[in-house]
Structure formats: structure tokens, C-alpha cells
Amino acid sequence: AEAGGYGVVFGNKLTRSQKEEFIAMIKAEPRRFIAQEVIDFQ
């Protein structure tokens, strides 16, 4: 539901605790998120 670059998180940029917190959110609200492969774009 976010736009303008907000709500975008790169998995490899999170600390261990942040990662655990984010995964908990995904499990609690799976409809709220999508995940994409990181495209090394032009």
C-alpha cells in the first residue's frame, strides 16, 4: 500500500533483530507484502 519509495526494505540491509521483526510482520500480515528479486538495473 506504500508509494514514493516508502515501505521498501532490502533484506540484506537489516540487522538480525530487524530481520526477525520484519519476518514476524510478514507472517502476521502476509497480504501486506510482496518480495522481489533484486534486479541489478541499468
PDB file of all heavy atoms in Angstrom:
ATOM      1  N   ALA A   1       0.805  -1.220   0.000  1.00  0.00           N
ATOM      2  CA  ALA A   1       0.000   0.000   0.000  1.00  0.00           C
ATOM      3  C   ALA A   1       0.839   1.271   0.000  1.00  0.00           C
ATOM      4  O   ALA A   1       0.296   2.374  -0.068  1.00  0.00           O
ATOM      5  CB  ALA A   1      -0.930   0.008   1.215  1.00  0.00           C
ATOM      6  N   GLU A   2       2.155   1.129   0.082  1.00  0.00           N
ATOM      7  CA  GLU A   2       3.020   2.310   0.136  1.00  0.00           C
ATOM      8  C   GLU A   2       3.390   2.765  -1.272  1.00  0.00           C
ATOM      9  O   GLU A   2       3.275   2.023  -2.243  1.00  0.00           O
ATOM     10  CB  GLU A   2       4.287   2.011   0.937  1.00  0.00           C
ATOM     11  CG  GLU A   2       4.034   1.770   2.416  1.00  0.00           C
ATOM     12  CD  GLU A   2       3.800   3.050   3.195  1.00  0.00           C
ATOM     13  OE1 GLU A   2       3.807   4.130   2.574  1.00  0.00           O
ATOM     14  OE2 GLU A   2       3.612   2.980   4.414  1.00  0.00           O
ATOM     15  N   ALA A   3       3.885   4.004  -1.367  1.00  0.00           N
ATOM     16  CA  ALA A   3       4.318   4.561  -2.650  1.00  0.00           C
ATOM     17  C   ALA A   3       5.446   5.550  -2.389  1.00  0.00           C
ATOM     18  O   ALA A   3       5.788   5.841  -1.247  1.00  0.00           O
ATOM     19  CB  ALA A   3       3.152   5.247  -3.360  1.00  0.00           C
ATOM     20  N   GLY A   4       6.038   6.048  -3.481  1.00  0.00           N
ATOM     21  CA  GLY A   4       7.068   7.070  -3.361  1.00  0.00           C
ATOM     22  C   GLY A   4       8.376   6.578  -2.787  1.00  0.00           C
ATOM     23  O   GLY A   4       9.160   7.369  -2.256  1.00  0.00           O
ATOM     24  N   GLY A   5       8.637   5.263  -2.887  1.00  0.00           N
ATOM     25  CA  GLY A   5       9.876   4.724  -2.337  1.00  0.00           C
ATOM     26  C   GLY A   5       9.792   4.379  -0.872  1.00  0.00           C
ATOM     27  O   GLY A   5      10.755   3.853  -0.295  1.00  0.00           O
ATOM     28  N   TYR A   6       8.642   4.653  -0.248  1.00  0.00           N
ATOM     29  CA  TYR A   6       8.455   4.288   1.158  1.00  0.00           C
ATOM     30  C   TYR A   6       8.032   2.820   1.252  1.00  0.00           C
ATOM     31  O   TYR A   6       7.451   2.267   0.328  1.00  0.00           O
ATOM     32  CB  TYR A   6       7.394   5.184   1.806  1.00  0.00           C
ATOM     33  CG  TYR A   6       7.804   6.636   1.878  1.00  0.00           C
ATOM     34  CD1 TYR A   6       7.346   7.550   0.934  1.00  0.00           C
ATOM     35  CD2 TYR A   6       8.672   7.094   2.867  1.00  0.00           C
ATOM     36  CE1 TYR A   6       7.723   8.886   0.982  1.00  0.00           C
ATOM     37  CE2 TYR A   6       9.055   8.418   2.924  1.00  0.00           C
ATOM     38  CZ  TYR A   6       8.577   9.316   1.982  1.00  0.00           C
ATOM     39  OH  TYR A   6       8.969  10.626   2.038  1.00  0.00           O
ATOM     40  N   GLY A   7       8.324   2.197   2.369  1.00  0.00           N
ATOM     41  CA  GLY A   7       7.933   0.807   2.576  1.00  0.00           C
ATOM     42  C   GLY A   7       8.753  -0.181   1.791  1.00  0.00           C
ATOM     43  O   GLY A   7       8.322  -1.320   1.598  1.00  0.00           O
ATOM     44  N   VAL A   8       9.933   0.232   1.314  1.00  0.00           N
ATOM     45  CA  VAL A   8      10.821  -0.653   0.560  1.00  0.00           C
ATOM     46  C   VAL A   8      11.999  -1.037   1.446  1.00  0.00           C
ATOM     47  O   VAL A   8      12.700  -0.169   1.973  1.00  0.00           O
ATOM     48  CB  VAL A   8      11.335   0.021  -0.722  1.00  0.00           C
ATOM     49  CG1 VAL A   8      12.316  -0.887  -1.459  1.00  0.00           C
ATOM     50  CG2 VAL A   8      10.169   0.404  -1.632  1.00  0.00           C
ATOM     51  N   VAL A   9      12.224  -2.341   1.615  1.00  0.00           N
ATOM     52  CA  VAL A   9      13.267  -2.827   2.521  1.00  0.00           C
ATOM     53  C   VAL A   9      14.100  -3.878   1.796  1.00  0.00           C
ATOM     54  O   VAL A   9      13.550  -4.823   1.209  1.00  0.00           O
ATOM     55  CB  VAL A   9      12.648  -3.452   3.794  1.00  0.00           C
ATOM     56  CG1 VAL A   9      13.723  -4.099   4.652  1.00  0.00           C
ATOM     57  CG2 VAL A   9      11.892  -2.394   4.590  1.00  0.00           C
ATOM     58  N   PHE A  10      15.406  -3.716   1.821  1.00  0.00           N
ATOM     59  CA  PHE A  10      16.318  -4.719   1.267  1.00  0.00           C
ATOM     60  C   PHE A  10      16.726  -5.664   2.389  1.00  0.00           C
ATOM     61  O   PHE A  10      17.262  -5.225   3.426  1.00  0.00           O
ATOM     62  CB  PHE A  10      17.539  -4.045   0.648  1.00  0.00           C
ATOM     63  CG  PHE A  10      17.242  -3.332  -0.641  1.00  0.00           C
ATOM     64  CD1 PHE A  10      16.713  -2.055  -0.633  1.00  0.00           C
ATOM     65  CD2 PHE A  10      17.455  -3.966  -1.859  1.00  0.00           C
ATOM     66  CE1 PHE A  10      16.415  -1.397  -1.826  1.00  0.00           C
ATOM     67  CE2 PHE A  10      17.160  -3.315  -3.057  1.00  0.00           C
ATOM     68  CZ  PHE A  10      16.640  -2.030  -3.036  1.00  0.00           C
ATOM     69  N   GLY A  11      16.454  -6.955   2.187  1.00  0.00           N
ATOM     70  CA  GLY A  11      16.697  -7.934   3.236  1.00  0.00           C
ATOM     71  C   GLY A  11      18.114  -7.919   3.765  1.00  0.00           C
ATOM     72  O   GLY A  11      18.341  -8.069   4.975  1.00  0.00           O
ATOM     73  N   ASN A  12      19.090  -7.723   2.881  1.00  0.00           N
ATOM     74  CA  ASN A  12      20.494  -7.776   3.318  1.00  0.00           C
ATOM     75  C   ASN A  12      20.950  -6.523   4.045  1.00  0.00           C
ATOM     76  O   ASN A  12      22.087  -6.460   4.518  1.00  0.00           O
ATOM     77  CB  ASN A  12      21.412  -8.063   2.124  1.00  0.00           C
ATOM     78  CG  ASN A  12      21.360  -6.980   1.066  1.00  0.00           C
ATOM     79  OD1 ASN A  12      20.665  -5.973   1.214  1.00  0.00           O
ATOM     80  ND2 ASN A  12      22.080  -7.197  -0.015  1.00  0.00           N
ATOM     81  N   LYS A  13      20.085  -5.513   4.139  1.00  0.00           N
ATOM     82  CA  LYS A  13      20.444  -4.279   4.850  1.00  0.00           C
ATOM     83  C   LYS A  13      19.975  -4.280   6.299  1.00  0.00           C
ATOM     84  O   LYS A  13      20.287  -3.364   7.056  1.00  0.00           O
ATOM     85  CB  LYS A  13      19.842  -3.068   4.132  1.00  0.00           C
ATOM     86  CG  LYS A  13      20.279  -2.888   2.682  1.00  0.00           C
ATOM     87  CD  LYS A  13      21.750  -2.549   2.563  1.00  0.00           C
ATOM     88  CE  LYS A  13      22.137  -2.257   1.104  1.00  0.00           C
ATOM     89  NZ  LYS A  13      23.576  -1.985   0.951  1.00  0.00           N
ATOM     90  N   LEU A  14      19.212  -5.304   6.692  1.00  0.00           N
ATOM     91  CA  LEU A  14      18.646  -5.338   8.043  1.00  0.00           C
ATOM     92  C   LEU A  14      19.594  -6.014   9.022  1.00  0.00           C
ATOM     93  O   LEU A  14      20.324  -6.949   8.670  1.00  0.00           O
ATOM     94  CB  LEU A  14      17.314  -6.087   8.030  1.00  0.00           C
ATOM     95  CG  LEU A  14      16.193  -5.502   7.169  1.00  0.00           C
ATOM     96  CD1 LEU A  14      14.942  -6.368   7.292  1.00  0.00           C
ATOM     97  CD2 LEU A  14      15.887  -4.065   7.553  1.00  0.00           C
ATOM     98  N   THR A  15      19.561  -5.542  10.258  1.00  0.00           N
ATOM     99  CA  THR A  15      20.283  -6.226  11.325  1.00  0.00           C
ATOM    100  C   THR A  15      19.522  -7.506  11.672  1.00  0.00           C
ATOM    101  O   THR A  15      18.386  -7.720  11.219  1.00  0.00           O
ATOM    102  CB  THR A  15      20.381  -5.349  12.570  1.00  0.00           C
ATOM    103  OG1 THR A  15      19.049  -5.135  13.090  1.00  0.00           O
ATOM    104  CG2 THR A  15      21.019  -4.001  12.251  1.00  0.00           C
ATOM    105  N   ARG A  16      20.132  -8.326  12.467  1.00  0.00           N
ATOM    106  CA  ARG A  16      19.489  -9.593  12.828  1.00  0.00           C
ATOM    107  C   ARG A  16      18.145  -9.352  13.518  1.00  0.00           C
ATOM    108  O   ARG A  16      17.148 -10.000  13.199  1.00  0.00           O
ATOM    109  CB  ARG A  16      20.411 -10.398  13.743  1.00  0.00           C
ATOM    110  CG  ARG A  16      19.844 -11.756  14.130  1.00  0.00           C
ATOM    111  CD  ARG A  16      20.845 -12.560  14.936  1.00  0.00           C
ATOM    112  NE  ARG A  16      20.292 -13.835  15.348  1.00  0.00           N
ATOM    113  CZ  ARG A  16      20.967 -14.756  16.043  1.00  0.00           C
ATOM    114  NH1 ARG A  16      22.230 -14.526  16.372  1.00  0.00           N
ATOM    115  NH2 ARG A  16      20.390 -15.889  16.382  1.00  0.00           N
ATOM    116  N   SER A  17      18.115  -8.394  14.448  1.00  0.00           N
ATOM    117  CA  SER A  17      16.864  -8.141  15.178  1.00  0.00           C
ATOM    118  C   SER A  17      15.814  -7.516  14.252  1.00  0.00           C
ATOM    119  O   SER A  17      14.620  -7.832  14.353  1.00  0.00           O
ATOM    120  CB  SER A  17      17.123  -7.221  16.375  1.00  0.00           C
ATOM    121  OG  SER A  17      17.643  -5.970  15.962  1.00  0.00           O
ATOM    122  N   GLN A  18      16.253  -6.630  13.360  1.00  0.00           N
ATOM    123  CA  GLN A  18      15.316  -6.038  12.409  1.00  0.00           C
ATOM    124  C   GLN A  18      14.734  -7.104  11.476  1.00  0.00           C
ATOM    125  O   GLN A  18      13.553  -7.079  11.150  1.00  0.00           O
ATOM    126  CB  GLN A  18      16.014  -4.954  11.583  1.00  0.00           C
ATOM    127  CG  GLN A  18      16.329  -3.687  12.353  1.00  0.00           C
ATOM    128  CD  GLN A  18      17.204  -2.734  11.543  1.00  0.00           C
ATOM    129  OE1 GLN A  18      17.993  -3.150  10.689  1.00  0.00           O
ATOM    130  NE2 GLN A  18      17.056  -1.445  11.805  1.00  0.00           N
ATOM    131  N   LYS A  19      15.591  -8.029  11.055  1.00  0.00           N
ATOM    132  CA  LYS A  19      15.143  -9.112  10.185  1.00  0.00           C
ATOM    133  C   LYS A  19      14.094  -9.958  10.897  1.00  0.00           C
ATOM    134  O   LYS A  19      13.047 -10.292  10.325  1.00  0.00           O
ATOM    135  CB  LYS A  19      16.341  -9.972   9.777  1.00  0.00           C
ATOM    136  CG  LYS A  19      15.984 -11.174   8.925  1.00  0.00           C
ATOM    137  CD  LYS A  19      17.231 -11.958   8.546  1.00  0.00           C
ATOM    138  CE  LYS A  19      16.895 -13.242   7.815  1.00  0.00           C
ATOM    139  NZ  LYS A  19      18.103 -14.014   7.431  1.00  0.00           N
ATOM    140  N   GLU A  20      14.344 -10.306  12.149  1.00  0.00           N
ATOM    141  CA  GLU A  20      13.384 -11.113  12.907  1.00  0.00           C
ATOM    142  C   GLU A  20      12.056 -10.386  13.058  1.00  0.00           C
ATOM    143  O   GLU A  20      10.976 -10.987  12.928  1.00  0.00           O
ATOM    144  CB  GLU A  20      13.968 -11.455  14.280  1.00  0.00           C
ATOM    145  CG  GLU A  20      15.146 -12.429  14.206  1.00  0.00           C
ATOM    146  CD  GLU A  20      15.813 -12.627  15.558  1.00  0.00           C
ATOM    147  OE1 GLU A  20      15.459 -11.879  16.501  1.00  0.00           O
ATOM    148  OE2 GLU A  20      16.691 -13.511  15.676  1.00  0.00           O
ATOM    149  N   GLU A  21      12.135  -9.090  13.305  1.00  0.00           N
ATOM    150  CA  GLU A  21      10.918  -8.283  13.457  1.00  0.00           C
ATOM    151  C   GLU A  21      10.140  -8.218  12.153  1.00  0.00           C
ATOM    152  O   GLU A  21       8.908  -8.340  12.139  1.00  0.00           O
ATOM    153  CB  GLU A  21      11.300  -6.878  13.922  1.00  0.00           C
ATOM    154  CG  GLU A  21      10.113  -5.957  14.171  1.00  0.00           C
ATOM    155  CD  GLU A  21      10.542  -4.584  14.645  1.00  0.00           C
ATOM    156  OE1 GLU A  21      11.721  -4.423  15.017  1.00  0.00           O
ATOM    157  OE2 GLU A  21       9.693  -3.667  14.629  1.00  0.00           O
ATOM    158  N   PHE A  22      10.856  -8.060  11.037  1.00  0.00           N
ATOM    159  CA  PHE A  22      10.195  -7.946   9.741  1.00  0.00           C
ATOM    160  C   PHE A  22       9.549  -9.269   9.346  1.00  0.00           C
ATOM    161  O   PHE A  22       8.419  -9.300   8.837  1.00  0.00           O
ATOM    162  CB  PHE A  22      11.201  -7.508   8.672  1.00  0.00           C
ATOM    163  CG  PHE A  22      10.565  -6.836   7.488  1.00  0.00           C
ATOM    164  CD1 PHE A  22      10.472  -5.464   7.409  1.00  0.00           C
ATOM    165  CD2 PHE A  22      10.027  -7.594   6.462  1.00  0.00           C
ATOM    166  CE1 PHE A  22       9.868  -4.848   6.328  1.00  0.00           C
ATOM    167  CE2 PHE A  22       9.422  -6.991   5.372  1.00  0.00           C
ATOM    168  CZ  PHE A  22       9.343  -5.610   5.306  1.00  0.00           C
ATOM    169  N   ILE A  23      10.240 -10.356   9.575  1.00  0.00           N
ATOM    170  CA  ILE A  23       9.686 -11.674   9.255  1.00  0.00           C
ATOM    171  C   ILE A  23       8.420 -11.930  10.071  1.00  0.00           C
ATOM    172  O   ILE A  23       7.441 -12.495   9.567  1.00  0.00           O
ATOM    173  CB  ILE A  23      10.744 -12.770   9.487  1.00  0.00           C
ATOM    174  CG1 ILE A  23      11.805 -12.700   8.375  1.00  0.00           C
ATOM    175  CG2 ILE A  23      10.103 -14.152   9.519  1.00  0.00           C
ATOM    176  CD1 ILE A  23      12.976 -13.639   8.567  1.00  0.00           C
ATOM    177  N   ALA A  24       8.435 -11.482  11.324  1.00  0.00           N
ATOM    178  CA  ALA A  24       7.237 -11.635  12.163  1.00  0.00           C
ATOM    179  C   ALA A  24       6.059 -10.862  11.567  1.00  0.00           C
ATOM    180  O   ALA A  24       4.914 -11.339  11.574  1.00  0.00           O
ATOM    181  CB  ALA A  24       7.533 -11.157  13.577  1.00  0.00           C
ATOM    182  N   MET A  25       6.337  -9.672  11.018  1.00  0.00           N
ATOM    183  CA  MET A  25       5.271  -8.890  10.382  1.00  0.00           C
ATOM    184  C   MET A  25       4.741  -9.590   9.141  1.00  0.00           C
ATOM    185  O   MET A  25       3.530  -9.614   8.893  1.00  0.00           O
ATOM    186  CB  MET A  25       5.790  -7.498   9.997  1.00  0.00           C
ATOM    187  CG  MET A  25       5.939  -6.536  11.165  1.00  0.00           C
ATOM    188  SD  MET A  25       6.094  -4.808  10.613  1.00  0.00           S
ATOM    189  CE  MET A  25       7.607  -4.880   9.662  1.00  0.00           C
ATOM    190  N   ILE A  26       5.642 -10.159   8.349  1.00  0.00           N
ATOM    191  CA  ILE A  26       5.211 -10.869   7.135  1.00  0.00           C
ATOM    192  C   ILE A  26       4.325 -12.046   7.499  1.00  0.00           C
ATOM    193  O   ILE A  26       3.287 -12.294   6.869  1.00  0.00           O
ATOM    194  CB  ILE A  26       6.436 -11.348   6.328  1.00  0.00           C
ATOM    195  CG1 ILE A  26       7.218 -10.163   5.778  1.00  0.00           C
ATOM    196  CG2 ILE A  26       6.006 -12.260   5.180  1.00  0.00           C
ATOM    197  CD1 ILE A  26       8.512 -10.541   5.094  1.00  0.00           C
ATOM    198  N   LYS A  27       4.703 -12.795   8.516  1.00  0.00           N
ATOM    199  CA  LYS A  27       3.905 -13.948   8.935  1.00  0.00           C
ATOM    200  C   LYS A  27       2.547 -13.519   9.474  1.00  0.00           C
ATOM    201  O   LYS A  27       1.538 -14.211   9.268  1.00  0.00           O
ATOM    202  CB  LYS A  27       4.664 -14.747   9.985  1.00  0.00           C
ATOM    203  CG  LYS A  27       5.872 -15.494   9.431  1.00  0.00           C
ATOM    204  CD  LYS A  27       6.575 -16.279  10.529  1.00  0.00           C
ATOM    205  CE  LYS A  27       7.722 -17.112   9.978  1.00  0.00           C
ATOM    206  NZ  LYS A  27       8.420 -17.865  11.055  1.00  0.00           N
ATOM    207  N   ALA A  28       2.521 -12.377  10.164  1.00  0.00           N
ATOM    208  CA  ALA A  28       1.269 -11.904  10.754  1.00  0.00           C
ATOM    209  C   ALA A  28       0.341 -11.301   9.693  1.00  0.00           C
ATOM    210  O   ALA A  28      -0.882 -11.416   9.787  1.00  0.00           O
ATOM    211  CB  ALA A  28       1.562 -10.865  11.836  1.00  0.00           C
ATOM    212  N   GLU A  29       0.935 -10.644   8.673  1.00  0.00           N
ATOM    213  CA  GLU A  29       0.144  -9.973   7.644  1.00  0.00           C
ATOM    214  C   GLU A  29       0.681 -10.315   6.249  1.00  0.00           C
ATOM    215  O   GLU A  29       1.237  -9.457   5.567  1.00  0.00           O
ATOM    216  CB  GLU A  29       0.177  -8.455   7.836  1.00  0.00           C
ATOM    217  CG  GLU A  29      -0.354  -7.952   9.161  1.00  0.00           C
ATOM    218  CD  GLU A  29      -0.253  -6.440   9.263  1.00  0.00           C
ATOM    219  OE1 GLU A  29      -1.166  -5.761   8.742  1.00  0.00           O
ATOM    220  OE2 GLU A  29       0.730  -5.944   9.813  1.00  0.00           O
ATOM    221  N   PRO A  30       0.530 -11.538   5.806  1.00  0.00           N
ATOM    222  CA  PRO A  30       1.127 -11.941   4.520  1.00  0.00           C
ATOM    223  C   PRO A  30       0.545 -11.200   3.324  1.00  0.00           C
ATOM    224  O   PRO A  30       1.209 -11.058   2.300  1.00  0.00           O
ATOM    225  CB  PRO A  30       0.838 -13.445   4.453  1.00  0.00           C
ATOM    226  CG  PRO A  30      -0.308 -13.664   5.379  1.00  0.00           C
ATOM    227  CD  PRO A  30      -0.141 -12.673   6.480  1.00  0.00           C
ATOM    228  N   ARG A  31      -0.693 -10.709   3.430  1.00  0.00           N
ATOM    229  CA  ARG A  31      -1.306  -9.950   2.329  1.00  0.00           C
ATOM    230  C   ARG A  31      -0.658  -8.576   2.170  1.00  0.00           C
ATOM    231  O   ARG A  31      -0.774  -7.944   1.124  1.00  0.00           O
ATOM    232  CB  ARG A  31      -2.813  -9.798   2.593  1.00  0.00           C
ATOM    233  CG  ARG A  31      -3.580  -8.874   1.644  1.00  0.00           C
ATOM    234  CD  ARG A  31      -3.559  -9.375   0.224  1.00  0.00           C
ATOM    235  NE  ARG A  31      -4.352  -8.566  -0.689  1.00  0.00           N
ATOM    236  CZ  ARG A  31      -3.940  -7.456  -1.286  1.00  0.00           C
ATOM    237  NH1 ARG A  31      -2.727  -6.984  -1.034  1.00  0.00           N
ATOM    238  NH2 ARG A  31      -4.723  -6.808  -2.149  1.00  0.00           N
ATOM    239  N   ARG A  32       0.042  -8.126   3.171  1.00  0.00           N
ATOM    240  CA  ARG A  32       0.559  -6.753   3.190  1.00  0.00           C
ATOM    241  C   ARG A  32       1.835  -6.577   2.386  1.00  0.00           C
ATOM    242  O   ARG A  32       2.194  -5.447   2.035  1.00  0.00           O
ATOM    243  CB  ARG A  32       0.796  -6.343   4.650  1.00  0.00           C
ATOM    244  CG  ARG A  32       1.326  -4.946   4.834  1.00  0.00           C
ATOM    245  CD  ARG A  32       1.553  -4.638   6.304  1.00  0.00           C
ATOM    246  NE  ARG A  32       2.364  -3.448   6.487  1.00  0.00           N
ATOM    247  CZ  ARG A  32       2.833  -3.012   7.652  1.00  0.00           C
ATOM    248  NH1 ARG A  32       2.536  -3.689   8.758  1.00  0.00           N
ATOM    249  NH2 ARG A  32       3.574  -1.922   7.720  1.00  0.00           N
ATOM    250  N   PHE A  33       2.535  -7.676   2.050  1.00  0.00           N
ATOM    251  CA  PHE A  33       3.865  -7.546   1.456  1.00  0.00           C
ATOM    252  C   PHE A  33       4.017  -8.369   0.179  1.00  0.00           C
ATOM    253  O   PHE A  33       3.363  -9.401   0.000  1.00  0.00           O
ATOM    254  CB  PHE A  33       4.936  -8.007   2.461  1.00  0.00           C
ATOM    255  CG  PHE A  33       4.956  -7.218   3.736  1.00  0.00           C
ATOM    256  CD1 PHE A  33       4.276  -7.670   4.861  1.00  0.00           C
ATOM    257  CD2 PHE A  33       5.649  -6.017   3.810  1.00  0.00           C
ATOM    258  CE1 PHE A  33       4.288  -6.950   6.042  1.00  0.00           C
ATOM    259  CE2 PHE A  33       5.664  -5.284   4.989  1.00  0.00           C
ATOM    260  CZ  PHE A  33       4.987  -5.743   6.114  1.00  0.00           C
ATOM    261  N   ILE A  34       4.904  -7.880  -0.682  1.00  0.00           N
ATOM    262  CA  ILE A  34       5.431  -8.700  -1.762  1.00  0.00           C
ATOM    263  C   ILE A  34       6.949  -8.722  -1.610  1.00  0.00           C
ATOM    264  O   ILE A  34       7.538  -7.880  -0.919  1.00  0.00           O
ATOM    265  CB  ILE A  34       5.068  -8.172  -3.169  1.00  0.00           C
ATOM    266  CG1 ILE A  34       5.698  -6.795  -3.427  1.00  0.00           C
ATOM    267  CG2 ILE A  34       3.576  -8.160  -3.382  1.00  0.00           C
ATOM    268  CD1 ILE A  34       5.605  -6.331  -4.861  1.00  0.00           C
ATOM    269  N   ALA A  35       7.567  -9.698  -2.240  1.00  0.00           N
ATOM    270  CA  ALA A  35       9.034  -9.782  -2.265  1.00  0.00           C
ATOM    271  C   ALA A  35       9.472  -9.929  -3.718  1.00  0.00           C
ATOM    272  O   ALA A  35       8.796 -10.602  -4.513  1.00  0.00           O
ATOM    273  CB  ALA A  35       9.517 -10.968  -1.443  1.00  0.00           C
ATOM    274  N   GLN A  36      10.562  -9.281  -4.059  1.00  0.00           N
ATOM    275  CA  GLN A  36      11.066  -9.342  -5.428  1.00  0.00           C
ATOM    276  C   GLN A  36      12.558  -9.626  -5.442  1.00  0.00           C
ATOM    277  O   GLN A  36      13.285  -9.246  -4.509  1.00  0.00           O
ATOM    278  CB  GLN A  36      10.805  -8.011  -6.163  1.00  0.00           C
ATOM    279  CG  GLN A  36       9.339  -7.727  -6.406  1.00  0.00           C
ATOM    280  CD  GLN A  36       9.124  -6.396  -7.110  1.00  0.00           C
ATOM    281  OE1 GLN A  36       9.816  -5.423  -6.851  1.00  0.00           O
ATOM    282  NE2 GLN A  36       8.148  -6.354  -8.004  1.00  0.00           N
ATOM    283  N   GLU A  37      12.979 -10.285  -6.508  1.00  0.00           N
ATOM    284  CA  GLU A  37      14.409 -10.431  -6.733  1.00  0.00           C
ATOM    285  C   GLU A  37      14.998  -9.042  -6.971  1.00  0.00           C
ATOM    286  O   GLU A  37      14.361  -8.182  -7.581  1.00  0.00           O
ATOM    287  CB  GLU A  37      14.681 -11.316  -7.946  1.00  0.00           C
ATOM    288  CG  GLU A  37      14.080 -12.711  -7.876  1.00  0.00           C
ATOM    289  CD  GLU A  37      14.802 -13.634  -6.914  1.00  0.00           C
ATOM    290  OE1 GLU A  37      15.866 -13.233  -6.391  1.00  0.00           O
ATOM    291  OE2 GLU A  37      14.309 -14.757  -6.696  1.00  0.00           O
ATOM    292  N   VAL A  38      16.197  -8.824  -6.488  1.00  0.00           N
ATOM    293  CA  VAL A  38      16.864  -7.541  -6.701  1.00  0.00           C
ATOM    294  C   VAL A  38      17.440  -7.529  -8.114  1.00  0.00           C
ATOM    295  O   VAL A  38      18.315  -8.331  -8.439  1.00  0.00           O
ATOM    296  CB  VAL A  38      17.978  -7.303  -5.666  1.00  0.00           C
ATOM    297  CG1 VAL A  38      18.675  -5.964  -5.938  1.00  0.00           C
ATOM    298  CG2 VAL A  38      17.409  -7.337  -4.248  1.00  0.00           C
ATOM    299  N   ILE A  39      16.910  -6.634  -8.941  1.00  0.00           N
ATOM    300  CA  ILE A  39      17.394  -6.515 -10.316  1.00  0.00           C
ATOM    301  C   ILE A  39      18.535  -5.503 -10.342  1.00  0.00           C
ATOM    302  O   ILE A  39      18.366  -4.353  -9.908  1.00  0.00           O
ATOM    303  CB  ILE A  39      16.274  -6.072 -11.260  1.00  0.00           C
ATOM    304  CG1 ILE A  39      15.167  -7.141 -11.298  1.00  0.00           C
ATOM    305  CG2 ILE A  39      16.808  -5.810 -12.673  1.00  0.00           C
ATOM    306  CD1 ILE A  39      13.949  -6.713 -12.055  1.00  0.00           C
ATOM    307  N   ASP A  40      19.674  -5.935 -10.832  1.00  0.00           N
ATOM    308  CA  ASP A  40      20.798  -5.011 -10.972  1.00  0.00           C
ATOM    309  C   ASP A  40      20.563  -4.207 -12.243  1.00  0.00           C
ATOM    310  O   ASP A  40      21.086  -4.503 -13.311  1.00  0.00           O
ATOM    311  CB  ASP A  40      22.119  -5.783 -11.053  1.00  0.00           C
ATOM    312  CG  ASP A  40      23.326  -4.855 -11.007  1.00  0.00           C
ATOM    313  OD1 ASP A  40      23.144  -3.662 -10.692  1.00  0.00           O
ATOM    314  OD2 ASP A  40      24.442  -5.318 -11.289  1.00  0.00           O
ATOM    315  N   PHE A  41      19.732  -3.162 -12.092  1.00  0.00           N
ATOM    316  CA  PHE A  41      19.296  -2.477 -13.295  1.00  0.00           C
ATOM    317  C   PHE A  41      20.284  -1.408 -13.742  1.00  0.00           C
ATOM    318  O   PHE A  41      21.256  -1.094 -13.061  1.00  0.00           O
ATOM    319  CB  PHE A  41      17.871  -1.932 -13.153  1.00  0.00           C
ATOM    320  CG  PHE A  41      17.628  -0.975 -12.009  1.00  0.00           C
ATOM    321  CD1 PHE A  41      17.771   0.388 -12.177  1.00  0.00           C
ATOM    322  CD2 PHE A  41      17.190  -1.450 -10.773  1.00  0.00           C
ATOM    323  CE1 PHE A  41      17.510   1.273 -11.148  1.00  0.00           C
ATOM    324  CE2 PHE A  41      16.912  -0.576  -9.739  1.00  0.00           C
ATOM    325  CZ  PHE A  41      17.088   0.795  -9.919  1.00  0.00           C
ATOM    326  N   GLN A  42      19.981  -0.884 -14.894  1.00  0.00           N
ATOM    327  CA  GLN A  42      20.900  -0.046 -15.648  1.00  0.00           C
ATOM    328  C   GLN A  42      21.341   1.202 -14.885  1.00  0.00           C
ATOM    329  O   GLN A  42      20.554   1.862 -14.210  1.00  0.00           O
ATOM    330  CB  GLN A  42      20.216   0.375 -16.955  1.00  0.00           C
ATOM    331  CG  GLN A  42      21.085   1.112 -17.937  1.00  0.00           C
ATOM    332  CD  GLN A  42      20.289   1.481 -19.176  1.00  0.00           C
ATOM    333  OE1 GLN A  42      19.140   1.908 -19.073  1.00  0.00           O
ATOM    334  NE2 GLN A  42      20.874   1.312 -20.348  1.00  0.00           N
TER     335      GLN A  42
END
